[in-house]
Protein backbone atom coordinates (compact mmCIF):
# COMPACT_ATOMS: atom_id res chain seq x y z
CA MET A 1 -16.39 -243.24 0.18
CA THR A 2 -20.00 -244.37 0.36
CA LEU A 3 -19.29 -247.46 -0.65
CA ILE A 4 -16.25 -247.76 2.04
CA ALA A 5 -18.79 -246.67 4.59
CA ILE A 6 -21.56 -249.33 3.53
CA TYR A 7 -18.72 -252.08 3.81
CA SER A 8 -17.82 -250.38 6.63
CA VAL A 9 -21.08 -250.75 8.80
CA GLY A 10 -22.00 -254.47 6.93
CA VAL A 11 -17.84 -255.72 8.14
CA THR A 12 -19.37 -253.93 11.68
CA TYR A 13 -22.72 -256.27 11.57
CA VAL A 14 -20.93 -259.08 10.75
CA ASP A 15 -18.70 -259.35 13.62
CA ALA A 16 -21.19 -258.13 15.90
CA ALA A 17 -24.30 -260.97 14.49
CA PHE A 18 -21.27 -263.69 13.86
CA PHE A 19 -17.96 -263.17 16.28
CA PRO A 20 -19.39 -261.78 19.21
CA HIS A 21 -17.07 -263.52 21.63
CA GLN A 22 -13.51 -262.65 19.83
CA GLN A 23 -11.58 -260.09 21.04
CA VAL A 24 -8.56 -258.56 19.66
CA LYS A 25 -6.16 -257.14 22.30
CA GLU A 26 -4.34 -254.95 19.62
CA ALA A 27 -4.99 -253.66 16.25
CA GLY A 28 -1.24 -253.81 15.65
CA ALA A 29 -1.52 -255.31 11.86
CA ALA A 30 -3.05 -252.22 11.12
CA THR A 31 -0.57 -249.71 12.08
CA ILE A 32 1.98 -251.67 10.06
CA LEU A 33 -0.37 -251.57 6.91
CA GLY A 34 -0.78 -248.13 7.66
CA LEU A 35 2.84 -247.27 7.93
CA ILE A 36 3.70 -249.52 4.40
CA LEU A 37 1.05 -247.47 2.46
CA SER A 38 1.47 -243.94 3.90
CA LEU A 39 5.45 -244.16 2.93
CA LEU A 40 4.47 -245.42 -0.62
CA LEU A 41 2.02 -242.64 -0.47
CA VAL A 42 4.51 -239.76 0.53
CA PHE A 43 7.05 -240.61 -2.01
CA ARG A 44 4.34 -240.95 -4.90
CA THR A 45 2.72 -237.23 -3.99
CA ASN A 46 6.73 -236.35 -3.59
CA THR A 47 7.68 -237.71 -7.17
CA ALA A 48 4.16 -236.30 -8.62
CA TYR A 49 5.14 -232.69 -7.44
CA ASP A 50 8.59 -232.80 -8.27
CA ARG A 51 7.51 -233.06 -11.65
CA TRP A 52 4.75 -230.16 -11.49
CA TRP A 53 7.81 -227.82 -9.55
CA GLU A 54 9.97 -229.09 -12.49
CA GLY A 55 7.84 -227.44 -15.23
CA ARG A 56 7.23 -224.40 -13.25
CA LYS A 57 10.71 -223.48 -12.64
CA LEU A 58 11.33 -224.19 -16.66
CA TRP A 59 8.79 -221.98 -17.44
CA GLY A 60 9.91 -219.19 -14.92
CA GLN A 61 12.91 -219.70 -16.64
CA LEU A 62 10.94 -219.11 -20.09
CA VAL A 63 9.73 -215.95 -18.97
CA ASN A 64 12.92 -214.46 -18.21
CA ASP A 65 15.14 -215.82 -21.16
CA VAL A 66 12.36 -214.22 -23.37
CA ARG A 67 12.34 -210.97 -21.56
CA ASN A 68 16.05 -210.67 -21.86
CA MET A 69 15.96 -212.08 -25.02
CA GLY A 70 13.52 -209.02 -26.16
CA LEU A 71 16.21 -206.63 -24.71
CA LYS A 72 19.39 -207.65 -26.13
CA ALA A 73 17.56 -207.85 -29.42
CA ARG A 74 16.33 -204.34 -29.08
CA ASN A 75 19.52 -203.37 -27.61
CA TYR A 76 22.28 -204.87 -29.69
CA LEU A 77 20.63 -206.21 -33.12
CA SER A 78 18.27 -203.98 -34.15
CA VAL A 79 19.66 -200.96 -36.35
CA THR A 80 16.02 -199.21 -36.02
CA GLN A 81 13.59 -199.43 -33.29
CA GLU A 82 11.22 -200.94 -36.91
CA GLN A 83 13.99 -203.71 -37.48
CA GLY A 84 14.21 -204.47 -33.53
CA ARG A 85 10.08 -205.07 -33.99
CA GLU A 86 10.80 -208.48 -36.23
CA PHE A 87 11.51 -210.64 -32.78
CA THR A 88 8.39 -209.22 -31.29
CA ALA A 89 6.10 -211.80 -33.40
CA PRO A 90 8.67 -214.93 -32.80
CA LEU A 91 9.00 -214.05 -29.35
CA ILE A 92 5.34 -213.74 -28.49
CA ALA A 93 4.62 -216.96 -30.82
CA PHE A 94 6.75 -218.90 -28.80
CA PRO A 95 5.27 -219.19 -25.46
CA TYR A 96 2.07 -220.13 -26.79
CA ALA A 97 3.43 -222.77 -29.43
CA LEU A 98 5.57 -223.84 -26.52
CA LYS A 99 1.75 -224.49 -24.66
CA GLU A 100 -0.01 -226.06 -27.38
CA HIS A 101 2.87 -228.32 -28.21
CA LEU A 102 3.15 -229.32 -24.89
CA ARG A 103 -0.78 -229.97 -24.39
CA GLY A 104 -0.85 -231.95 -28.12
CA GLU A 105 -3.06 -228.89 -29.85
CA ARG A 106 -2.13 -227.65 -33.39
CA PRO A 107 -1.20 -224.04 -33.77
CA SER A 108 -3.32 -221.42 -32.77
CA GLN A 109 -5.33 -218.76 -34.84
CA LYS A 110 -2.85 -216.26 -32.95
CA VAL A 111 0.20 -218.08 -33.19
CA LEU A 112 -0.49 -218.40 -36.88
CA ALA A 113 -1.25 -214.86 -36.93
CA LEU A 114 1.96 -213.94 -35.76
CA ILE A 115 3.74 -216.92 -37.41
CA PRO A 116 2.01 -217.96 -40.73
CA THR A 117 4.99 -220.28 -41.37
CA ALA A 118 3.94 -222.02 -38.32
CA ALA A 119 0.93 -223.60 -40.13
CA ASN A 120 3.12 -226.56 -42.13
CA ALA A 121 5.50 -226.98 -39.47
CA GLU A 122 5.45 -230.27 -37.31
CA HIS A 123 7.30 -228.67 -34.49
CA VAL A 124 5.91 -225.60 -34.32
CA PRO A 125 8.46 -223.97 -31.43
CA LEU A 126 11.21 -225.20 -33.39
CA HIS A 127 10.14 -223.75 -36.38
CA ILE A 128 9.80 -220.00 -33.92
CA ALA A 129 13.63 -220.86 -32.35
CA ASP A 130 14.84 -221.30 -36.05
CA LEU A 131 13.39 -218.00 -37.06
CA LEU A 132 15.01 -216.20 -33.94
CA PHE A 133 18.18 -217.88 -35.14
CA GLN A 134 18.16 -216.47 -38.41
CA LEU A 135 16.82 -213.18 -37.07
CA THR A 136 20.19 -213.03 -35.00
CA HIS A 137 22.51 -213.72 -37.36
CA VAL A 138 21.16 -211.44 -39.91
CA ARG A 139 20.46 -208.36 -37.42
CA THR A 140 23.55 -206.33 -35.98
CA ASN A 141 24.43 -202.32 -35.50
CA SER A 142 27.92 -203.06 -33.88
CA ASP A 143 31.47 -203.90 -35.26
CA ASN A 144 31.72 -205.96 -32.43
CA ALA A 145 29.02 -208.81 -34.31
CA ALA A 146 30.18 -211.83 -33.11
CA ILE A 147 30.51 -210.35 -29.15
CA ASP A 148 26.93 -209.43 -29.63
CA ARG A 149 25.78 -212.47 -31.09
CA LEU A 150 26.84 -214.25 -28.29
CA ASN A 151 25.56 -211.70 -25.38
CA VAL A 152 22.08 -213.30 -27.47
CA ASP A 153 23.11 -216.82 -27.71
CA PRO A 154 22.64 -218.39 -24.14
CA HIS A 155 18.84 -216.82 -24.26
CA LEU A 156 18.56 -218.71 -28.05
CA ARG A 157 19.79 -221.92 -26.74
CA ALA A 158 17.77 -221.81 -23.86
CA LEU A 159 14.18 -221.82 -25.76
CA MET A 160 15.09 -225.27 -26.78
CA ASP A 161 16.11 -226.82 -23.58
CA ILE A 162 13.55 -225.43 -21.81
CA CYS A 163 11.11 -227.27 -24.74
CA GLY A 164 13.12 -230.45 -24.42
CA ALA A 165 12.78 -230.33 -20.50
CA CYS A 166 9.22 -229.97 -20.70
CA GLU A 167 8.85 -232.71 -23.20
CA ARG A 168 10.99 -235.14 -21.47
CA ILE A 169 8.42 -234.20 -18.01
CA LYS A 170 4.90 -234.93 -20.78
CA ASN A 171 6.60 -238.18 -22.69
CA SER A 172 7.83 -240.08 -19.27
CA PRO A 173 5.28 -240.37 -17.25
CA ILE A 174 5.22 -242.59 -13.81
CA VAL A 175 5.25 -246.12 -13.90
CA ARG A 176 1.42 -247.62 -15.22
CA THR A 177 2.69 -250.73 -12.67
CA TYR A 178 3.81 -248.70 -10.24
CA LYS A 179 0.75 -246.77 -9.93
CA ASP A 180 -1.52 -249.60 -10.23
CA LEU A 181 0.52 -251.59 -7.34
CA ILE A 182 -0.66 -248.27 -4.87
CA TRP A 183 -4.22 -248.60 -5.72
CA LEU A 184 -4.00 -252.45 -5.00
CA LEU A 185 -2.32 -252.44 -1.80
CA LEU A 186 -5.04 -249.73 -0.64
CA GLY A 187 -7.59 -251.64 -1.94
CA LEU A 188 -6.66 -254.56 -0.07
CA TYR A 189 -5.71 -251.84 2.97
CA LEU A 190 -9.31 -250.61 3.61
CA LEU A 191 -10.99 -253.88 2.36
CA GLY A 192 -8.38 -254.96 5.57
CA LEU A 193 -8.76 -252.45 7.92
CA PRO A 194 -12.19 -252.45 9.32
CA TRP A 195 -12.00 -255.85 10.29
CA MET A 196 -9.10 -254.76 11.94
CA LEU A 197 -10.33 -252.15 13.99
CA VAL A 198 -13.92 -253.53 14.87
CA PRO A 199 -12.76 -256.20 17.33
CA VAL A 200 -10.92 -253.36 19.65
CA ILE A 201 -12.98 -250.15 18.83
CA ASP A 202 -16.31 -251.54 18.12
CA THR A 203 -18.67 -248.92 15.69
CA TRP A 204 -15.95 -246.50 16.01
CA ALA A 205 -13.73 -248.61 13.23
CA ILE A 206 -16.84 -246.84 10.74
CA LEU A 207 -15.32 -243.58 10.94
CA VAL A 208 -11.86 -244.41 11.31
CA THR A 209 -12.14 -245.80 7.96
CA MET A 210 -14.11 -243.37 6.33
CA ILE A 211 -10.86 -241.16 7.66
CA ALA A 212 -8.13 -243.24 6.63
CA ALA A 213 -9.71 -243.56 3.80
CA PHE A 214 -10.19 -240.34 2.58
CA PHE A 215 -6.75 -239.07 3.00
CA ALA A 216 -5.26 -242.36 1.43
CA ILE A 217 -7.58 -241.56 -1.57
CA THR A 218 -7.39 -237.89 -1.79
CA LEU A 219 -3.65 -238.36 -2.43
CA GLU A 220 -3.37 -240.70 -4.65
CA LEU A 221 -5.89 -238.81 -7.08
CA LEU A 222 -4.16 -235.47 -6.52
CA ALA A 223 -1.17 -236.77 -7.33
CA GLU A 224 -2.22 -238.09 -10.38
CA GLU A 225 -3.41 -235.12 -11.11
CA VAL A 226 -0.39 -232.54 -10.59
CA GLU A 227 1.97 -235.50 -12.52
CA GLN A 228 0.61 -234.08 -15.61
CA PRO A 229 1.18 -230.17 -14.98
CA PHE A 230 0.81 -228.82 -19.08
CA GLY A 231 -2.82 -229.64 -18.95
CA HIS A 232 -6.07 -228.20 -18.49
CA ASP A 233 -6.98 -229.01 -14.74
CA PRO A 234 -7.31 -226.55 -12.53
CA HIS A 235 -4.10 -227.71 -10.51
CA ASP A 236 -2.01 -227.87 -13.33
CA LEU A 237 0.05 -224.72 -14.25
CA PRO A 238 -1.57 -221.46 -15.22
CA LEU A 239 0.36 -221.41 -18.69
CA ASP A 240 -2.23 -219.04 -20.48
CA ASP A 241 -1.48 -217.00 -17.54
CA LEU A 242 2.37 -217.09 -18.06
CA CYS A 243 1.99 -216.52 -22.33
CA GLN A 244 0.02 -213.80 -21.18
CA THR A 245 2.51 -212.38 -19.23
CA ILE A 246 5.57 -212.54 -21.59
CA GLU A 247 3.36 -210.99 -24.52
CA ARG A 248 3.13 -207.78 -22.21
CA SER A 249 6.36 -207.59 -21.65
CA ILE A 250 8.04 -208.05 -25.04
CA HIS A 251 5.06 -204.99 -25.86
CA GLN A 252 6.50 -202.95 -23.30
CA ILE A 253 10.47 -203.50 -24.74
CA THR A 254 9.42 -203.17 -28.26
CA ASP A 255 7.30 -200.09 -27.30
C-alpha cells in the first residue's frame, strides 16, 4: 500500500508537470477494467470460501458420526461397559490423527498414547479405522449380530469418506496459473488506474487508487488464506477445538 501511494503521488506530479493541457472527459476505461477484475476476484474468493465451508461441513459430519458410533457401540456391540470402553481410544484418536494427517504432521504423543501401533502406520487415520472395523466384528451382545453391525457400518464407512474428502481439498489446490493471472491483472490495473483518474479528479486519484488497491489486495490475500482450511492460520478451521469436542462427547458416552 505504501508503494502504491508513492506511485500515485508520482503519477500526479508527472501529469501536472508534463501534461498540463491534457484533459480526459471520462474515465470509462478504469470502470471497465475494474469490473473485469472484480468479477475475477469474486470468483476467486467464492472458490476459496467453498473449500473452507466444505471442510467445515466435513468436520461437522465427523463430530456427528463419531458420537453416533460411540452410542451404538456402547448399546449394540459391547457385552459389558468395560468392553464398550475398547471403542473409546480409537474414537478419540481418529479426529486427532486426521487433523495431524491433513497438516502433514507425525502422530502426536496423545495419539500414540491411545493407539501405540499408530507409530508404525503410514496412514494413521486408515489404521485407526481398521481397528474400529475389527472391534465391530468381534464385539456383539445380540442374536441379531448382522443387523447390529449394519447399524454401525454407515458411521464406520463415513470416517474414511470424510478423510478422503478432506484429502481431496488438501491435495487439489486452485490452479497456480489462475492465481498468477489474477496477481498480474491486479498489478496492471493498479499501475494504470492513477493515469486514468488523475486527469479527471486530480489529486483525489491518490485516495481512490489507495481504496481500490486495499480492497482488491485484501480479497486476494483472504482467498489465499482460506483456500487451505486445515492449517494453523487464524482463519483456518478450529480443528483443535473440534477434536476436544469429540473427546468430551466420547467420555460422556462411556462414563
